[in-house]
Amino acid sequence: LYVTDEAARVYAAQIAGRPHWVRSLARWPGHDDWIYWQYHDSGRVDGISGDVDLNVLQGGQEKLAELFAPPPESISRETPLYP
């Protein structure tokens, strides 16, 4: 879920257990229940013209590999996620 830091606090019970991508530009999100933290919305990156969102991935390369790993064989790609 992509949420602001405020929304993450307000809806904490409803979104518990789901991975969060928290947008908190003014300060550290104030909690550790996130995977990505967007800390800037007008950053600069060589080779890209214009504003770029800057983010932190909590967990490093190990977490990144986990997020993009193929699904286990026991889960069919045709199986609906939400019946």
C-alpha atoms as a PDB file:
ATOM      1  CA  LEU A   1       0.000   0.000   0.000  1.00  0.00           C
ATOM      2  CA  TYR A   2       1.273   3.473  -0.858  1.00  0.00           C
ATOM      3  CA  VAL A   3       0.188   5.717   2.018  1.00  0.00           C
ATOM      4  CA  THR A   4       1.154   8.958   3.681  1.00  0.00           C
ATOM      5  CA  ASP A   5       2.653   8.731   7.149  1.00  0.00           C
ATOM      6  CA  GLU A   6      -0.541  10.229   8.575  1.00  0.00           C
ATOM      7  CA  ALA A   7      -2.776   7.682   6.801  1.00  0.00           C
ATOM      8  CA  ALA A   8      -0.555   4.843   8.043  1.00  0.00           C
ATOM      9  CA  ARG A   9      -1.143   6.022  11.622  1.00  0.00           C
ATOM     10  CA  VAL A  10      -4.892   6.643  11.211  1.00  0.00           C
ATOM     11  CA  TYR A  11      -5.590   3.314   9.484  1.00  0.00           C
ATOM     12  CA  ALA A  12      -2.955   1.222  11.300  1.00  0.00           C
ATOM     13  CA  ALA A  13      -5.438  -1.466  12.380  1.00  0.00           C
ATOM     14  CA  GLN A  14      -6.984  -1.816   8.914  1.00  0.00           C
ATOM     15  CA  ILE A  15      -3.689  -2.076   7.051  1.00  0.00           C
ATOM     16  CA  ALA A  16      -1.732  -4.140   9.588  1.00  0.00           C
ATOM     17  CA  GLY A  17       0.188  -7.005   8.021  1.00  0.00           C
ATOM     18  CA  ARG A  18       0.285  -5.459   4.555  1.00  0.00           C
ATOM     19  CA  PRO A  19       3.521  -4.094   3.123  1.00  0.00           C
ATOM     20  CA  HIS A  20       3.640  -0.297   3.265  1.00  0.00           C
ATOM     21  CA  TRP A  21       5.283   2.230   0.989  1.00  0.00           C
ATOM     22  CA  VAL A  22       5.127   5.302   3.209  1.00  0.00           C
ATOM     23  CA  ARG A  23       5.369   8.868   1.920  1.00  0.00           C
ATOM     24  CA  SER A  24       6.804  11.060   4.670  1.00  0.00           C
ATOM     25  CA  LEU A  25       8.630  14.055   3.246  1.00  0.00           C
ATOM     26  CA  ALA A  26       9.101  16.154   6.372  1.00  0.00           C
ATOM     27  CA  ARG A  27      10.569  13.536   8.703  1.00  0.00           C
ATOM     28  CA  TRP A  28      11.294   9.868   9.429  1.00  0.00           C
ATOM     29  CA  PRO A  29       7.964   7.965   9.271  1.00  0.00           C
ATOM     30  CA  GLY A  30       7.901   7.497  13.051  1.00  0.00           C
ATOM     31  CA  HIS A  31       7.351   3.726  12.887  1.00  0.00           C
ATOM     32  CA  ASP A  32       9.128   0.761  11.320  1.00  0.00           C
ATOM     33  CA  ASP A  33       6.117  -0.906   9.684  1.00  0.00           C
ATOM     34  CA  TRP A  34       7.155  -0.055   6.126  1.00  0.00           C
ATOM     35  CA  ILE A  35       9.136  -1.559   3.278  1.00  0.00           C
ATOM     36  CA  TYR A  36       9.681   1.604   1.241  1.00  0.00           C
ATOM     37  CA  TRP A  37       9.908   5.151   2.550  1.00  0.00           C
ATOM     38  CA  GLN A  38       9.598   8.044   0.094  1.00  0.00           C
ATOM     39  CA  TYR A  39      11.563  10.856   1.722  1.00  0.00           C
ATOM     40  CA  HIS A  40      11.771  13.342  -1.168  1.00  0.00           C
ATOM     41  CA  ASP A  41       9.610  14.192  -4.175  1.00  0.00           C
ATOM     42  CA  SER A  42      11.928  16.532  -6.063  1.00  0.00           C
ATOM     43  CA  GLY A  43      15.292  14.802  -5.990  1.00  0.00           C
ATOM     44  CA  ARG A  44      17.863  14.810  -8.771  1.00  0.00           C
ATOM     45  CA  VAL A  45      19.442  11.837 -10.529  1.00  0.00           C
ATOM     46  CA  ASP A  46      22.150  12.080 -13.192  1.00  0.00           C
ATOM     47  CA  GLY A  47      20.716  11.317 -16.620  1.00  0.00           C
ATOM     48  CA  ILE A  48      17.107  12.099 -15.663  1.00  0.00           C
ATOM     49  CA  SER A  49      15.659  15.540 -16.303  1.00  0.00           C
ATOM     50  CA  GLY A  50      13.072  16.820 -13.864  1.00  0.00           C
ATOM     51  CA  ASP A  51      12.045  15.828 -10.369  1.00  0.00           C
ATOM     52  CA  VAL A  52      12.559  12.282  -9.108  1.00  0.00           C
ATOM     53  CA  ASP A  53      11.036  10.629  -6.035  1.00  0.00           C
ATOM     54  CA  LEU A  54      13.740   9.392  -3.655  1.00  0.00           C
ATOM     55  CA  ASN A  55      13.027   6.286  -1.584  1.00  0.00           C
ATOM     56  CA  VAL A  56      14.640   3.986   0.967  1.00  0.00           C
ATOM     57  CA  LEU A  57      14.149   0.212   0.910  1.00  0.00           C
ATOM     58  CA  GLN A  58      14.184  -1.235   4.419  1.00  0.00           C
ATOM     59  CA  GLY A  59      15.932  -4.598   4.319  1.00  0.00           C
ATOM     60  CA  GLY A  60      18.436  -3.988   1.542  1.00  0.00           C
ATOM     61  CA  GLN A  61      19.169  -6.386  -1.310  1.00  0.00           C
ATOM     62  CA  GLU A  62      17.861  -9.397   0.600  1.00  0.00           C
ATOM     63  CA  LYS A  63      14.422  -7.786   0.965  1.00  0.00           C
ATOM     64  CA  LEU A  64      14.462  -6.656  -2.675  1.00  0.00           C
ATOM     65  CA  ALA A  65      15.146 -10.230  -3.825  1.00  0.00           C
ATOM     66  CA  GLU A  66      12.295 -11.473  -1.615  1.00  0.00           C
ATOM     67  CA  LEU A  67       9.856  -8.896  -3.038  1.00  0.00           C
ATOM     68  CA  PHE A  68      10.618  -9.854  -6.640  1.00  0.00           C
ATOM     69  CA  ALA A  69      10.998 -13.609  -6.179  1.00  0.00           C
ATOM     70  CA  PRO A  70       8.746 -15.771  -8.362  1.00  0.00           C
ATOM     71  CA  PRO A  71       5.698 -17.193  -6.597  1.00  0.00           C
ATOM     72  CA  PRO A  72       6.066 -20.640  -5.019  1.00  0.00           C
ATOM     73  CA  GLU A  73       5.145 -23.556  -7.268  1.00  0.00           C
ATOM     74  CA  SER A  74       2.193 -24.335  -4.992  1.00  0.00           C
ATOM     75  CA  ILE A  75       0.498 -21.111  -6.103  1.00  0.00           C
ATOM     76  CA  SER A  76      -0.884 -21.197  -9.606  1.00  0.00           C
ATOM     77  CA  ARG A  77      -0.610 -17.980 -11.592  1.00  0.00           C
ATOM     78  CA  GLU A  78      -4.214 -18.561 -12.646  1.00  0.00           C
ATOM     79  CA  THR A  79      -5.467 -18.784  -9.060  1.00  0.00           C
ATOM     80  CA  PRO A  80      -7.325 -15.568  -8.227  1.00  0.00           C
ATOM     81  CA  LEU A  81      -5.817 -13.686  -5.301  1.00  0.00           C
ATOM     82  CA  TYR A  82      -9.193 -12.406  -4.159  1.00  0.00           C
ATOM     83  CA  PRO A  83     -12.155 -14.742  -4.754  1.00  0.00           C
END
